[in-house]
Amino acid sequence: MDGIVTIEIPVSSEAAAALTDADRRAALGRYVSRMLCGAGARDVLAEAIAEAKAEAQAAGMTDADIDAELAAYNAERRD
C-alpha cells in the first residue's frame, strides 16, 4: 500500500481501547483500505479470520481450542 496516511474515524470507547495496539491498528488499516479499494467484503473477512487464527496458533492454541472458543462465543450470543 503506497501513500499511507493517518485519518480519524469515530469509534466506540471499547473499540478505541482495542485499537491501542499498533499491530491491530495496522491490520485494521489494511482491511479498510482493501475493502474500499476493490477487495470484496468476503475476501477481507476471510483474510481477517485467517490472520486471527494464525495469531491464536502462534499463541499456542490448537484448532480444537479455536473451535471450542467459537462454539462458546456462539452459545453466549444465542442466550
Protein backbone atom coordinates (compact mmCIF):
# COMPACT_ATOMS: atom_id res chain seq x y z
CA MET A 1 0.00 0.00 0.00
CA ASP A 2 1.62 3.19 -1.16
CA GLY A 3 0.76 6.60 0.20
CA ILE A 4 -0.27 5.59 3.71
CA VAL A 5 -1.96 8.42 5.62
CA THR A 6 -3.45 8.60 9.10
CA ILE A 7 -7.10 9.58 9.45
CA GLU A 8 -9.51 9.89 12.35
CA ILE A 9 -12.59 7.67 12.46
CA PRO A 10 -15.09 7.93 15.32
CA VAL A 11 -15.45 4.59 17.14
CA SER A 12 -16.89 3.42 20.45
CA SER A 13 -14.74 3.67 23.56
CA GLU A 14 -14.47 -0.13 23.58
CA ALA A 15 -13.17 -0.13 20.01
CA ALA A 16 -10.74 2.66 20.83
CA ALA A 17 -9.38 0.62 23.74
CA ALA A 18 -8.89 -2.36 21.43
CA LEU A 19 -7.04 -0.15 18.95
CA THR A 20 -4.30 0.89 21.37
CA ASP A 21 -2.27 -1.99 19.92
CA ALA A 22 -0.21 -0.79 16.92
CA ASP A 23 -0.37 -4.16 15.13
CA ARG A 24 -4.15 -4.23 15.44
CA ARG A 25 -4.42 -0.67 14.07
CA ALA A 26 -2.18 -1.58 11.14
CA ALA A 27 -4.27 -4.68 10.38
CA LEU A 28 -7.47 -2.65 10.53
CA GLY A 29 -5.97 -0.08 8.18
CA ARG A 30 -5.15 -2.83 5.68
CA TYR A 31 -8.69 -4.23 5.88
CA VAL A 32 -10.32 -0.83 5.42
CA SER A 33 -8.04 0.04 2.51
CA ARG A 34 -8.73 -3.25 0.76
CA MET A 35 -12.46 -3.05 1.33
CA LEU A 36 -12.70 0.49 -0.02
CA CYS A 37 -10.34 -0.09 -2.93
CA GLY A 38 -11.87 -3.08 -4.64
CA ALA A 39 -11.49 -6.19 -2.50
CA GLY A 40 -14.80 -7.77 -1.65
CA ALA A 41 -16.09 -7.97 1.89
CA ARG A 42 -15.79 -11.77 1.78
CA ASP A 43 -12.11 -11.53 0.81
CA VAL A 44 -11.40 -9.11 3.64
CA LEU A 45 -13.36 -11.22 6.13
CA ALA A 46 -11.56 -14.40 5.05
CA GLU A 47 -8.22 -12.66 5.46
CA ALA A 48 -9.21 -11.37 8.91
CA ILE A 49 -10.25 -14.85 10.02
CA ALA A 50 -7.04 -16.40 8.71
CA GLU A 51 -4.94 -13.75 10.44
CA ALA A 52 -6.80 -14.19 13.73
CA LYS A 53 -6.37 -17.96 13.51
CA ALA A 54 -2.65 -17.60 12.80
CA GLU A 55 -2.26 -15.30 15.81
CA ALA A 56 -4.14 -17.76 18.03
CA GLN A 57 -1.98 -20.64 16.82
CA ALA A 58 1.18 -18.59 17.39
CA ALA A 59 -0.05 -18.10 20.97
CA GLY A 60 -0.27 -21.89 21.37
CA MET A 61 -3.92 -22.57 20.61
CA THR A 62 -4.84 -25.63 18.59
CA ASP A 63 -7.62 -25.88 16.01
CA ALA A 64 -9.69 -27.69 18.65
CA ASP A 65 -9.12 -24.81 21.11
CA ILE A 66 -10.19 -22.27 18.48
CA ASP A 67 -13.30 -24.30 17.60
CA ALA A 68 -14.22 -24.55 21.29
CA GLU A 69 -13.83 -20.78 21.75
CA LEU A 70 -16.02 -20.10 18.72
CA ALA A 71 -18.66 -22.55 19.95
CA ALA A 72 -18.71 -20.91 23.39
CA TYR A 73 -19.00 -17.45 21.81
CA ASN A 74 -21.85 -18.56 19.57
CA ALA A 75 -23.65 -20.19 22.53
CA GLU A 76 -23.37 -16.95 24.56
CA ARG A 77 -24.79 -14.91 21.68
CA ARG A 78 -27.80 -17.24 21.41
CA ASP A 79 -28.71 -16.81 25.09
